[in-house]
Amino acid sequence: MRMTALYLGLLVRGPRFNDWDEKPDELARLQAAHVAHIEEMFRTGRAVVAGPLTDDGFLRGALIFRAETLDEAAAFALTDPSIQAGRLVLEIHPWMVQAGVLPGV
């Protein structure tokens, strides 16, 4: 079986997650910027899969990145406005997956 290296990102609640509870307009703008960032990663081939977790827990979302190194994958992700604002924090892990199992991999 041929394996390929990808990077698994887990988005968790950040230290400023609740700062927008009483600022729905600001939260909507931040969320729109977050989604636009992920869409850009798809357009540029950096993201393979991404999506929110819907149980309203500590873990908020998951992403799979295509990159040459862990540092490169983290650099893509850390430009996310929600991460920069402290609403989310990224955990990122190297991940080996069978080649051909995921779209474009």
C-alpha atoms as a PDB file:
ATOM      1  CA  MET A   1       0.000   0.000   0.000  1.00  0.00           C
ATOM      2  CA  ARG A   2       1.376   3.406  -0.981  1.00  0.00           C
ATOM      3  CA  MET A   3       1.102   6.065   1.731  1.00  0.00           C
ATOM      4  CA  THR A   4       1.314   9.834   1.482  1.00  0.00           C
ATOM      5  CA  ALA A   5       1.937  12.495   4.131  1.00  0.00           C
ATOM      6  CA  LEU A   6      -0.756  15.042   4.898  1.00  0.00           C
ATOM      7  CA  TYR A   7      -1.381  17.252   7.912  1.00  0.00           C
ATOM      8  CA  LEU A   8      -4.412  16.978  10.165  1.00  0.00           C
ATOM      9  CA  GLY A   9      -5.506  20.237  11.749  1.00  0.00           C
ATOM     10  CA  LEU A  10      -7.902  20.378  14.654  1.00  0.00           C
ATOM     11  CA  LEU A  11      -9.498  23.699  15.515  1.00  0.00           C
ATOM     12  CA  VAL A  12     -10.336  24.076  19.199  1.00  0.00           C
ATOM     13  CA  ARG A  13     -11.895  26.861  21.229  1.00  0.00           C
ATOM     14  CA  GLY A  14      -9.354  29.619  21.734  1.00  0.00           C
ATOM     15  CA  PRO A  15      -8.835  31.900  24.732  1.00  0.00           C
ATOM     16  CA  ARG A  16     -11.077  34.550  23.166  1.00  0.00           C
ATOM     17  CA  PHE A  17     -13.794  32.166  21.917  1.00  0.00           C
ATOM     18  CA  ASN A  18     -16.590  33.846  23.879  1.00  0.00           C
ATOM     19  CA  ASP A  19     -15.474  37.456  23.301  1.00  0.00           C
ATOM     20  CA  TRP A  20     -18.000  37.826  20.499  1.00  0.00           C
ATOM     21  CA  ASP A  21     -21.069  36.477  22.328  1.00  0.00           C
ATOM     22  CA  GLU A  22     -22.556  39.947  22.653  1.00  0.00           C
ATOM     23  CA  LYS A  23     -21.194  41.231  19.338  1.00  0.00           C
ATOM     24  CA  PRO A  24     -23.129  39.260  16.716  1.00  0.00           C
ATOM     25  CA  ASP A  25     -22.191  41.586  13.842  1.00  0.00           C
ATOM     26  CA  GLU A  26     -18.473  41.299  14.609  1.00  0.00           C
ATOM     27  CA  LEU A  27     -18.807  37.528  15.010  1.00  0.00           C
ATOM     28  CA  ALA A  28     -20.557  37.277  11.630  1.00  0.00           C
ATOM     29  CA  ARG A  29     -17.726  39.248   9.968  1.00  0.00           C
ATOM     30  CA  LEU A  30     -15.073  37.094  11.666  1.00  0.00           C
ATOM     31  CA  GLN A  31     -16.862  33.887  10.639  1.00  0.00           C
ATOM     32  CA  ALA A  32     -17.178  35.112   7.041  1.00  0.00           C
ATOM     33  CA  ALA A  33     -13.446  35.876   6.972  1.00  0.00           C
ATOM     34  CA  HIS A  34     -12.700  32.433   8.449  1.00  0.00           C
ATOM     35  CA  VAL A  35     -14.778  30.708   5.757  1.00  0.00           C
ATOM     36  CA  ALA A  36     -13.178  32.838   3.022  1.00  0.00           C
ATOM     37  CA  HIS A  37      -9.754  31.802   4.286  1.00  0.00           C
ATOM     38  CA  ILE A  38     -10.672  28.118   4.091  1.00  0.00           C
ATOM     39  CA  GLU A  39     -12.147  28.598   0.609  1.00  0.00           C
ATOM     40  CA  GLU A  40      -8.866  30.206  -0.471  1.00  0.00           C
ATOM     41  CA  MET A  41      -6.939  27.199   0.868  1.00  0.00           C
ATOM     42  CA  PHE A  42      -9.175  24.953  -1.267  1.00  0.00           C
ATOM     43  CA  ARG A  43      -8.672  27.149  -4.344  1.00  0.00           C
ATOM     44  CA  THR A  44      -4.895  27.012  -3.928  1.00  0.00           C
ATOM     45  CA  GLY A  45      -4.828  23.262  -3.246  1.00  0.00           C
ATOM     46  CA  ARG A  46      -3.644  23.630   0.345  1.00  0.00           C
ATOM     47  CA  ALA A  47      -6.789  22.170   1.921  1.00  0.00           C
ATOM     48  CA  VAL A  48      -8.065  18.713   1.019  1.00  0.00           C
ATOM     49  CA  VAL A  49     -10.995  18.466   3.446  1.00  0.00           C
ATOM     50  CA  ALA A  50     -12.392  20.920   5.995  1.00  0.00           C
ATOM     51  CA  GLY A  51     -15.499  21.296   8.070  1.00  0.00           C
ATOM     52  CA  PRO A  52     -16.987  22.199  11.420  1.00  0.00           C
ATOM     53  CA  LEU A  53     -17.891  19.793  14.168  1.00  0.00           C
ATOM     54  CA  THR A  54     -21.503  20.321  15.124  1.00  0.00           C
ATOM     55  CA  ASP A  55     -21.719  19.134  18.729  1.00  0.00           C
ATOM     56  CA  ASP A  56     -20.813  22.589  20.155  1.00  0.00           C
ATOM     57  CA  GLY A  57     -17.911  21.122  22.118  1.00  0.00           C
ATOM     58  CA  PHE A  58     -14.326  22.226  22.715  1.00  0.00           C
ATOM     59  CA  LEU A  59     -13.260  20.790  19.351  1.00  0.00           C
ATOM     60  CA  ARG A  60     -14.710  23.093  16.680  1.00  0.00           C
ATOM     61  CA  GLY A  61     -13.485  21.816  13.316  1.00  0.00           C
ATOM     62  CA  ALA A  62     -11.083  19.639  11.355  1.00  0.00           C
ATOM     63  CA  LEU A  63      -8.959  20.291   8.283  1.00  0.00           C
ATOM     64  CA  ILE A  64      -6.621  18.191   6.213  1.00  0.00           C
ATOM     65  CA  PHE A  65      -3.788  20.124   4.598  1.00  0.00           C
ATOM     66  CA  ARG A  66      -1.555  19.298   1.680  1.00  0.00           C
ATOM     67  CA  ALA A  67       1.937  20.704   2.307  1.00  0.00           C
ATOM     68  CA  GLU A  68       5.594  19.749   2.077  1.00  0.00           C
ATOM     69  CA  THR A  69       6.252  20.222   5.818  1.00  0.00           C
ATOM     70  CA  LEU A  70       4.451  20.719   9.103  1.00  0.00           C
ATOM     71  CA  ASP A  71       5.727  24.298   9.241  1.00  0.00           C
ATOM     72  CA  GLU A  72       4.321  25.009   5.790  1.00  0.00           C
ATOM     73  CA  ALA A  73       0.911  23.600   6.733  1.00  0.00           C
ATOM     74  CA  ALA A  74       0.895  25.624   9.950  1.00  0.00           C
ATOM     75  CA  ALA A  75       1.848  28.783   8.066  1.00  0.00           C
ATOM     76  CA  PHE A  76      -1.197  28.358   5.788  1.00  0.00           C
ATOM     77  CA  ALA A  77      -3.525  27.789   8.696  1.00  0.00           C
ATOM     78  CA  LEU A  78      -2.213  30.436  11.058  1.00  0.00           C
ATOM     79  CA  THR A  79      -3.275  33.215   8.700  1.00  0.00           C
ATOM     80  CA  ASP A  80      -6.915  32.312   9.476  1.00  0.00           C
ATOM     81  CA  PRO A  81      -8.619  35.406  10.922  1.00  0.00           C
ATOM     82  CA  SER A  82     -10.338  33.342  13.642  1.00  0.00           C
ATOM     83  CA  ILE A  83      -6.991  31.979  14.793  1.00  0.00           C
ATOM     84  CA  GLN A  84      -5.394  35.414  14.675  1.00  0.00           C
ATOM     85  CA  ALA A  85      -8.301  36.814  16.734  1.00  0.00           C
ATOM     86  CA  GLY A  86      -7.882  34.098  19.391  1.00  0.00           C
ATOM     87  CA  ARG A  87     -11.342  32.646  18.784  1.00  0.00           C
ATOM     88  CA  LEU A  88      -9.780  29.381  17.581  1.00  0.00           C
ATOM     89  CA  VAL A  89      -6.493  27.611  18.220  1.00  0.00           C
ATOM     90  CA  LEU A  90      -4.927  25.155  15.806  1.00  0.00           C
ATOM     91  CA  GLU A  91      -3.539  21.765  16.753  1.00  0.00           C
ATOM     92  CA  ILE A  92      -1.719  20.252  13.773  1.00  0.00           C
ATOM     93  CA  HIS A  93      -0.349  16.752  13.330  1.00  0.00           C
ATOM     94  CA  PRO A  94       1.499  14.941  10.528  1.00  0.00           C
ATOM     95  CA  TRP A  95      -0.735  12.174   9.183  1.00  0.00           C
ATOM     96  CA  MET A  96      -0.027   9.266   6.863  1.00  0.00           C
ATOM     97  CA  VAL A  97      -2.930   8.193   4.701  1.00  0.00           C
ATOM     98  CA  GLN A  98      -3.308   5.697   1.894  1.00  0.00           C
ATOM     99  CA  ALA A  99      -2.689   7.415  -1.446  1.00  0.00           C
ATOM    100  CA  GLY A 100      -5.868   7.854  -3.466  1.00  0.00           C
ATOM    101  CA  VAL A 101      -8.303   7.609  -0.567  1.00  0.00           C
ATOM    102  CA  LEU A 102      -8.968  11.353  -0.362  1.00  0.00           C
ATOM    103  CA  PRO A 103      -9.783  13.670  -3.268  1.00  0.00           C
ATOM    104  CA  GLY A 104      -6.649  14.746  -5.111  1.00  0.00           C
ATOM    105  CA  VAL A 105      -4.318  12.796  -2.817  1.00  0.00           C
END
